[in-house]
Amino acid sequence: MKIKEKEFENILEELKQLATQMGAKVRFERGDFKGGYCIIKKDRIIVINKLANLQRRVITLTSALKELGIEEIYLSPRLREIIEELNDNI
């Protein structure tokens, strides 16, 4: 599947909403790191490098969501396909 650059913005927003529904906070920070899922004082946090390109931010967020366990949550078939494809390419 080919994802257009403009679609990545919408996908990122959908994934951020999904993370919030799952009880995780999404933070965009500057630094020399790739990002990912972590727990800080019982808070679920997904940290994403704001200096990364849009595609890398989406990949980081999909990877973190998989760690949180999205298998049991309903996702639109298109969004699930995107998540699976992006994580297969890591």
N, C-alpha and C. Protein backbone atom coordinates (compact mmCIF):
# COMPACT_ATOMS: atom_id res chain seq x y z
N MET A 1 0.85 -1.18 0.00
CA MET A 1 0.00 0.00 0.00
C MET A 1 0.89 1.24 0.00
N LYS A 2 0.53 2.18 -0.81
CA LYS A 2 1.26 3.44 -0.89
C LYS A 2 0.49 4.49 -0.11
N ILE A 3 1.18 5.09 0.85
CA ILE A 3 0.54 6.12 1.67
C ILE A 3 1.07 7.47 1.20
N LYS A 4 0.16 8.37 0.89
CA LYS A 4 0.56 9.70 0.44
C LYS A 4 1.00 10.53 1.63
N GLU A 5 1.89 11.47 1.37
CA GLU A 5 2.45 12.31 2.44
C GLU A 5 1.36 13.05 3.21
N LYS A 6 0.35 13.55 2.50
CA LYS A 6 -0.73 14.28 3.16
C LYS A 6 -1.51 13.37 4.11
N GLU A 7 -1.60 12.09 3.78
CA GLU A 7 -2.34 11.14 4.62
C GLU A 7 -1.67 10.95 5.98
N PHE A 8 -0.36 11.09 6.03
CA PHE A 8 0.36 10.88 7.28
C PHE A 8 -0.12 11.82 8.39
N GLU A 9 -0.48 13.04 8.03
CA GLU A 9 -0.99 13.98 9.04
C GLU A 9 -2.29 13.48 9.66
N ASN A 10 -3.21 13.00 8.81
CA ASN A 10 -4.47 12.45 9.31
C ASN A 10 -4.25 11.18 10.12
N ILE A 11 -3.36 10.34 9.65
CA ILE A 11 -3.05 9.10 10.35
C ILE A 11 -2.47 9.41 11.73
N LEU A 12 -1.57 10.39 11.79
CA LEU A 12 -0.96 10.77 13.06
C LEU A 12 -2.03 11.24 14.04
N GLU A 13 -2.97 12.03 13.58
CA GLU A 13 -4.05 12.51 14.45
C GLU A 13 -4.92 11.35 14.94
N GLU A 14 -5.27 10.42 14.05
CA GLU A 14 -6.07 9.26 14.44
C GLU A 14 -5.33 8.42 15.49
N LEU A 15 -4.04 8.24 15.29
CA LEU A 15 -3.24 7.44 16.22
C LEU A 15 -3.11 8.12 17.57
N LYS A 16 -2.98 9.45 17.57
CA LYS A 16 -2.92 10.19 18.84
C LYS A 16 -4.23 10.03 19.60
N GLN A 17 -5.35 10.09 18.91
CA GLN A 17 -6.66 9.90 19.55
C GLN A 17 -6.78 8.49 20.11
N LEU A 18 -6.30 7.51 19.36
CA LEU A 18 -6.33 6.12 19.82
C LEU A 18 -5.49 5.95 21.08
N ALA A 19 -4.32 6.56 21.11
CA ALA A 19 -3.45 6.48 22.29
C ALA A 19 -4.14 7.07 23.51
N THR A 20 -4.81 8.20 23.31
CA THR A 20 -5.54 8.84 24.41
C THR A 20 -6.66 7.93 24.92
N GLN A 21 -7.38 7.31 24.01
CA GLN A 21 -8.44 6.38 24.39
C GLN A 21 -7.90 5.20 25.19
N MET A 22 -6.66 4.82 24.91
CA MET A 22 -6.03 3.70 25.60
C MET A 22 -5.37 4.13 26.91
N GLY A 23 -5.48 5.40 27.24
CA GLY A 23 -4.94 5.88 28.50
C GLY A 23 -3.48 6.29 28.46
N ALA A 24 -2.96 6.55 27.28
CA ALA A 24 -1.56 6.97 27.14
C ALA A 24 -1.50 8.44 26.71
N LYS A 25 -0.51 9.12 27.22
CA LYS A 25 -0.27 10.51 26.81
C LYS A 25 0.78 10.49 25.71
N VAL A 26 0.57 11.31 24.70
CA VAL A 26 1.54 11.42 23.60
C VAL A 26 2.24 12.76 23.75
N ARG A 27 3.57 12.67 23.83
CA ARG A 27 4.37 13.90 23.96
C ARG A 27 5.36 13.98 22.82
N PHE A 28 5.49 15.18 22.27
CA PHE A 28 6.47 15.44 21.22
C PHE A 28 7.58 16.28 21.84
N GLU A 29 8.78 15.72 21.87
CA GLU A 29 9.92 16.37 22.51
C GLU A 29 11.09 16.44 21.55
N ARG A 30 11.97 17.37 21.81
CA ARG A 30 13.22 17.48 21.04
C ARG A 30 14.29 16.64 21.71
N GLY A 31 15.17 16.10 20.92
CA GLY A 31 16.28 15.36 21.50
C GLY A 31 16.91 14.40 20.51
N ASP A 32 17.91 13.70 21.00
CA ASP A 32 18.64 12.74 20.20
C ASP A 32 18.14 11.34 20.55
N PHE A 33 16.91 11.02 20.15
CA PHE A 33 16.31 9.73 20.45
C PHE A 33 15.26 9.42 19.38
N LYS A 34 14.87 8.16 19.30
CA LYS A 34 13.85 7.76 18.33
C LYS A 34 12.46 7.91 18.91
N GLY A 35 12.31 7.58 20.18
CA GLY A 35 11.01 7.67 20.83
C GLY A 35 10.42 6.30 21.06
N GLY A 36 9.29 6.29 21.77
CA GLY A 36 8.61 5.03 22.04
C GLY A 36 7.75 5.12 23.27
N TYR A 37 7.33 3.95 23.75
CA TYR A 37 6.41 3.84 24.87
C TYR A 37 7.19 3.63 26.16
N CYS A 38 6.76 4.29 27.23
CA CYS A 38 7.37 4.09 28.54
C CYS A 38 6.34 4.39 29.63
N ILE A 39 6.68 4.00 30.84
CA ILE A 39 5.82 4.29 32.00
C ILE A 39 6.63 5.14 32.95
N ILE A 40 6.07 6.29 33.32
CA ILE A 40 6.73 7.20 34.25
C ILE A 40 5.76 7.45 35.39
N LYS A 41 6.14 7.00 36.59
CA LYS A 41 5.29 7.16 37.77
C LYS A 41 3.85 6.73 37.50
N LYS A 42 3.67 5.56 36.97
CA LYS A 42 2.37 4.95 36.67
C LYS A 42 1.64 5.59 35.50
N ASP A 43 2.21 6.60 34.86
CA ASP A 43 1.59 7.22 33.67
C ASP A 43 2.14 6.55 32.42
N ARG A 44 1.24 6.21 31.51
CA ARG A 44 1.65 5.67 30.21
C ARG A 44 1.99 6.84 29.30
N ILE A 45 3.21 6.85 28.82
CA ILE A 45 3.68 7.97 27.99
C ILE A 45 4.25 7.41 26.68
N ILE A 46 3.90 8.06 25.59
CA ILE A 46 4.53 7.77 24.30
C ILE A 46 5.27 9.04 23.92
N VAL A 47 6.58 8.94 23.84
CA VAL A 47 7.41 10.09 23.52
C VAL A 47 7.85 9.96 22.06
N ILE A 48 7.65 11.03 21.33
CA ILE A 48 8.00 11.06 19.91
C ILE A 48 8.92 12.25 19.66
N ASN A 49 9.97 12.01 18.91
CA ASN A 49 10.91 13.07 18.59
C ASN A 49 10.27 14.03 17.60
N LYS A 50 10.07 15.27 18.02
CA LYS A 50 9.41 16.25 17.16
C LYS A 50 10.29 16.69 16.00
N LEU A 51 11.58 16.36 16.04
CA LEU A 51 12.47 16.70 14.94
C LEU A 51 12.45 15.65 13.83
N ALA A 52 11.84 14.50 14.11
CA ALA A 52 11.74 13.43 13.11
C ALA A 52 10.73 13.83 12.03
N ASN A 53 10.91 13.25 10.85
CA ASN A 53 9.93 13.56 9.79
C ASN A 53 8.59 12.92 10.12
N LEU A 54 7.57 13.32 9.42
CA LEU A 54 6.20 12.91 9.71
C LEU A 54 6.05 11.38 9.64
N GLN A 55 6.64 10.77 8.64
CA GLN A 55 6.54 9.31 8.50
C GLN A 55 7.18 8.60 9.70
N ARG A 56 8.32 9.06 10.16
CA ARG A 56 9.01 8.46 11.31
C ARG A 56 8.16 8.63 12.57
N ARG A 57 7.49 9.77 12.73
CA ARG A 57 6.63 9.98 13.90
C ARG A 57 5.47 8.98 13.90
N VAL A 58 4.87 8.77 12.73
CA VAL A 58 3.77 7.81 12.62
C VAL A 58 4.27 6.40 12.92
N ILE A 59 5.42 6.03 12.41
CA ILE A 59 5.98 4.70 12.66
C ILE A 59 6.26 4.50 14.14
N THR A 60 6.82 5.51 14.79
CA THR A 60 7.11 5.42 16.23
C THR A 60 5.82 5.25 17.02
N LEU A 61 4.80 6.00 16.65
CA LEU A 61 3.53 5.92 17.36
C LEU A 61 2.84 4.57 17.13
N THR A 62 2.88 4.05 15.91
CA THR A 62 2.27 2.74 15.67
C THR A 62 2.98 1.65 16.44
N SER A 63 4.28 1.73 16.50
CA SER A 63 5.07 0.74 17.26
C SER A 63 4.71 0.79 18.74
N ALA A 64 4.59 1.98 19.29
CA ALA A 64 4.25 2.14 20.70
C ALA A 64 2.83 1.62 20.97
N LEU A 65 1.91 1.88 20.07
CA LEU A 65 0.54 1.40 20.24
C LEU A 65 0.48 -0.12 20.22
N LYS A 66 1.30 -0.74 19.39
CA LYS A 66 1.34 -2.20 19.37
C LYS A 66 1.82 -2.73 20.71
N GLU A 67 2.77 -2.04 21.33
CA GLU A 67 3.24 -2.43 22.66
C GLU A 67 2.12 -2.32 23.70
N LEU A 68 1.25 -1.34 23.53
CA LEU A 68 0.13 -1.16 24.45
C LEU A 68 -0.95 -2.22 24.25
N GLY A 69 -0.95 -2.90 23.13
CA GLY A 69 -1.91 -3.97 22.89
C GLY A 69 -3.16 -3.54 22.16
N ILE A 70 -3.03 -3.18 20.89
CA ILE A 70 -4.19 -2.73 20.12
C ILE A 70 -4.92 -3.89 19.43
N GLU A 71 -4.45 -5.11 19.65
CA GLU A 71 -5.06 -6.25 18.98
C GLU A 71 -6.54 -6.42 19.35
N GLU A 72 -6.90 -6.09 20.58
CA GLU A 72 -8.25 -6.29 21.07
C GLU A 72 -9.17 -5.08 20.85
N ILE A 73 -8.65 -4.02 20.28
CA ILE A 73 -9.41 -2.78 20.09
C ILE A 73 -9.87 -2.70 18.64
N TYR A 74 -11.12 -2.22 18.46
CA TYR A 74 -11.61 -2.05 17.09
C TYR A 74 -10.90 -0.89 16.42
N LEU A 75 -10.37 -1.15 15.25
CA LEU A 75 -9.78 -0.13 14.39
C LEU A 75 -10.40 -0.28 13.02
N SER A 76 -10.50 0.80 12.30
CA SER A 76 -10.99 0.69 10.92
C SER A 76 -10.02 -0.21 10.16
N PRO A 77 -10.52 -0.98 9.22
CA PRO A 77 -9.64 -1.88 8.46
C PRO A 77 -8.46 -1.13 7.82
N ARG A 78 -8.70 0.07 7.33
CA ARG A 78 -7.63 0.87 6.71
C ARG A 78 -6.55 1.21 7.72
N LEU A 79 -6.95 1.66 8.92
CA LEU A 79 -5.98 2.03 9.94
C LEU A 79 -5.21 0.80 10.42
N ARG A 80 -5.88 -0.32 10.61
CA ARG A 80 -5.20 -1.55 11.03
C ARG A 80 -4.19 -1.99 9.97
N GLU A 81 -4.57 -1.89 8.70
CA GLU A 81 -3.67 -2.26 7.61
C GLU A 81 -2.43 -1.36 7.60
N ILE A 82 -2.63 -0.08 7.82
CA ILE A 82 -1.51 0.87 7.85
C ILE A 82 -0.58 0.53 9.00
N ILE A 83 -1.13 0.26 10.17
CA ILE A 83 -0.31 -0.06 11.35
C ILE A 83 0.51 -1.32 11.08
N GLU A 84 -0.14 -2.35 10.56
CA GLU A 84 0.57 -3.61 10.29
C GLU A 84 1.68 -3.40 9.26
N GLU A 85 1.37 -2.66 8.20
CA GLU A 85 2.37 -2.46 7.15
C GLU A 85 3.56 -1.65 7.67
N LEU A 86 3.30 -0.60 8.40
CA LEU A 86 4.39 0.23 8.90
C LEU A 86 5.26 -0.53 9.88
N ASN A 87 4.67 -1.37 10.71
CA ASN A 87 5.45 -2.13 11.68
C ASN A 87 6.21 -3.28 11.02
N ASP A 88 5.71 -3.78 9.90
CA ASP A 88 6.44 -4.83 9.17
C ASP A 88 7.70 -4.26 8.51
N ASN A 89 7.69 -2.95 8.23
CA ASN A 89 8.83 -2.32 7.55
C ASN A 89 9.89 -1.79 8.51
N ILE A 90 9.70 -1.99 9.80
CA ILE A 90 10.68 -1.47 10.77
C ILE A 90 11.92 -2.31 10.75
